[in-house]
Protein backbone atom coordinates (compact mmCIF):
# COMPACT_ATOMS: atom_id res chain seq x y z
CA MET A 1 152.55 105.13 119.96
CA GLY A 2 153.69 106.43 123.32
CA GLY A 3 151.32 107.01 126.22
CA ALA A 4 147.60 106.53 125.80
CA GLU A 5 145.67 109.67 125.17
CA PRO A 6 142.08 110.15 126.35
CA VAL A 7 139.58 109.39 123.58
CA ALA A 8 136.67 111.73 123.15
CA GLY A 9 133.27 110.20 123.51
CA ARG A 10 130.75 109.10 126.05
CA ILE A 11 130.49 105.91 128.09
CA THR A 12 127.04 104.74 129.07
CA ILE A 13 126.18 101.76 131.28
CA ALA A 14 122.75 100.35 130.50
CA PRO A 15 120.31 100.18 133.42
CA GLU A 16 119.97 96.43 132.80
CA VAL A 17 123.65 96.00 133.55
CA LEU A 18 123.30 97.84 136.85
CA ARG A 19 120.23 95.74 137.73
CA ASP A 20 122.21 92.57 137.00
CA ILE A 21 125.00 93.79 139.30
CA VAL A 22 122.49 94.56 142.06
CA ARG A 23 120.72 91.28 141.66
CA GLN A 24 123.92 89.17 141.85
CA ALA A 25 125.35 91.14 144.77
CA ALA A 26 122.14 90.89 146.80
CA LEU A 27 121.60 87.19 146.12
CA GLN A 28 125.10 86.36 147.36
CA VAL A 29 124.37 87.72 150.83
CA PRO A 30 123.61 84.95 153.34
CA GLY A 31 120.00 85.25 154.45
CA VAL A 32 118.59 86.55 151.23
CA ALA A 33 116.18 84.00 149.85
CA ARG A 34 115.36 85.92 146.68
CA LEU A 35 114.33 89.32 145.37
CA ALA A 36 110.66 90.12 145.82
CA GLU A 37 108.40 91.31 143.06
CA ALA A 38 107.33 94.78 144.18
CA ARG A 39 103.56 95.25 144.09
CA TRP A 40 103.10 98.96 144.46
CA GLY A 41 103.38 102.10 142.40
CA PRO A 42 106.07 102.27 139.70
CA TRP A 43 107.79 99.18 141.06
CA THR A 44 105.25 96.69 139.64
CA ARG A 45 107.11 94.00 137.73
CA SER A 46 110.44 95.55 138.58
CA GLY A 47 112.07 92.29 139.60
CA GLY A 48 112.50 93.83 143.03
CA ILE A 49 115.01 96.47 141.88
CA ARG A 50 114.49 100.17 141.09
CA LEU A 51 117.35 102.38 139.87
CA THR A 52 117.34 106.16 139.68
CA MET A 53 120.24 108.42 138.95
CA LEU A 54 121.08 111.38 141.26
CA ARG A 55 123.76 113.62 139.76
CA ASP A 56 125.46 110.73 137.95
CA ARG A 57 125.27 108.52 141.02
CA PRO A 58 122.88 105.53 141.12
CA ARG A 59 120.31 105.25 143.88
CA VAL A 60 119.20 101.65 144.36
CA ASP A 61 115.97 100.41 145.93
CA VAL A 62 115.86 96.62 146.41
CA VAL A 63 113.06 94.47 147.79
CA LEU A 64 113.98 91.19 149.48
CA VAL A 65 112.55 87.95 150.77
CA VAL A 66 114.73 86.84 153.64
CA ARG A 67 115.32 83.54 155.49
CA PRO A 68 113.94 83.52 159.07
CA GLU A 69 117.06 82.11 160.66
CA PHE A 70 119.02 85.34 159.90
CA ARG A 71 118.83 88.75 161.56
CA PHE A 72 116.93 90.93 159.14
CA ARG A 73 118.76 94.13 160.00
CA GLU A 74 122.15 92.48 159.43
CA VAL A 75 121.05 90.99 156.16
CA ALA A 76 119.83 94.39 154.99
CA ARG A 77 123.04 96.19 155.98
CA GLN A 78 125.17 93.56 154.26
CA VAL A 79 123.06 93.91 151.08
CA GLN A 80 123.60 97.65 151.23
CA GLU A 81 127.37 97.20 151.54
CA GLU A 82 127.68 94.49 148.89
CA VAL A 83 125.53 96.26 146.30
CA ALA A 84 127.42 99.53 146.72
CA ARG A 85 130.80 97.70 146.58
CA ALA A 86 129.83 95.73 143.46
CA ILE A 87 128.61 98.80 141.58
CA ARG A 88 131.71 100.80 142.59
CA ASP A 89 134.12 97.95 141.76
CA LEU A 90 132.60 96.98 138.44
CA THR A 91 131.57 100.39 137.03
CA GLY A 92 133.60 103.03 138.91
CA LEU A 93 130.38 104.79 139.89
CA GLU A 94 129.87 106.01 143.44
CA VAL A 95 126.48 105.02 144.79
CA ALA A 96 124.16 107.70 146.20
CA ALA A 97 122.16 105.25 148.31
CA VAL A 98 121.03 101.61 148.65
CA ASN A 99 117.58 101.30 150.22
CA VAL A 100 116.47 97.86 151.28
CA ARG A 101 112.91 96.78 151.88
CA ILE A 102 112.21 93.41 153.44
CA ALA A 103 108.84 92.45 151.97
CA ASP A 104 108.57 88.88 153.14
CA VAL A 105 110.08 85.95 155.02
CA GLU A 106 110.57 82.62 153.41
CA VAL A 107 109.11 79.83 155.55
CA GLU A 108 109.98 76.09 155.40
CA GLY A 109 109.48 74.44 152.04
CA GLY A 110 110.59 77.55 150.14
CA ALA A 111 107.20 79.27 150.31
CA ALA A 112 106.78 82.86 151.37
CA SER A 113 104.73 83.88 154.40
CA GLN A 114 101.31 85.36 154.14
CA ALA A 115 102.87 88.77 154.92
CA SER A 116 103.77 89.29 151.30
CA GLY A 117 103.63 92.90 150.35
CA SER A 118 103.72 94.19 153.92
CA ASP A 119 105.64 97.28 154.71
CA THR A 120 108.17 95.73 157.11
CA ARG A 121 111.36 97.83 157.06
CA ALA A 122 114.88 96.88 158.02
């Protein structure tokens, strides 16, 4: 019962787990109102998150609704950093990329603007 020996087998992290990590990390960033439901291509009903694997490294695409009193570019950069850090810290995986799309701005009263679905990029 000396030192621990490696155990043969495979470890798999379900995509739902990675999506939960991304969602929690993004929502903790000041200025993020919520994740936006993507309305184009394969992202329909994605909950605003798409994950793909590139050589065992996750690539994350996240779509946000932001608050107007924050600088969009700073919010997007902080989301990139926090999502990558959370995935790395919790799973040990290195992240290939975190792409952020700002799809809308939340106006007073919690409603989104009429620009919903626009292609505004950070």
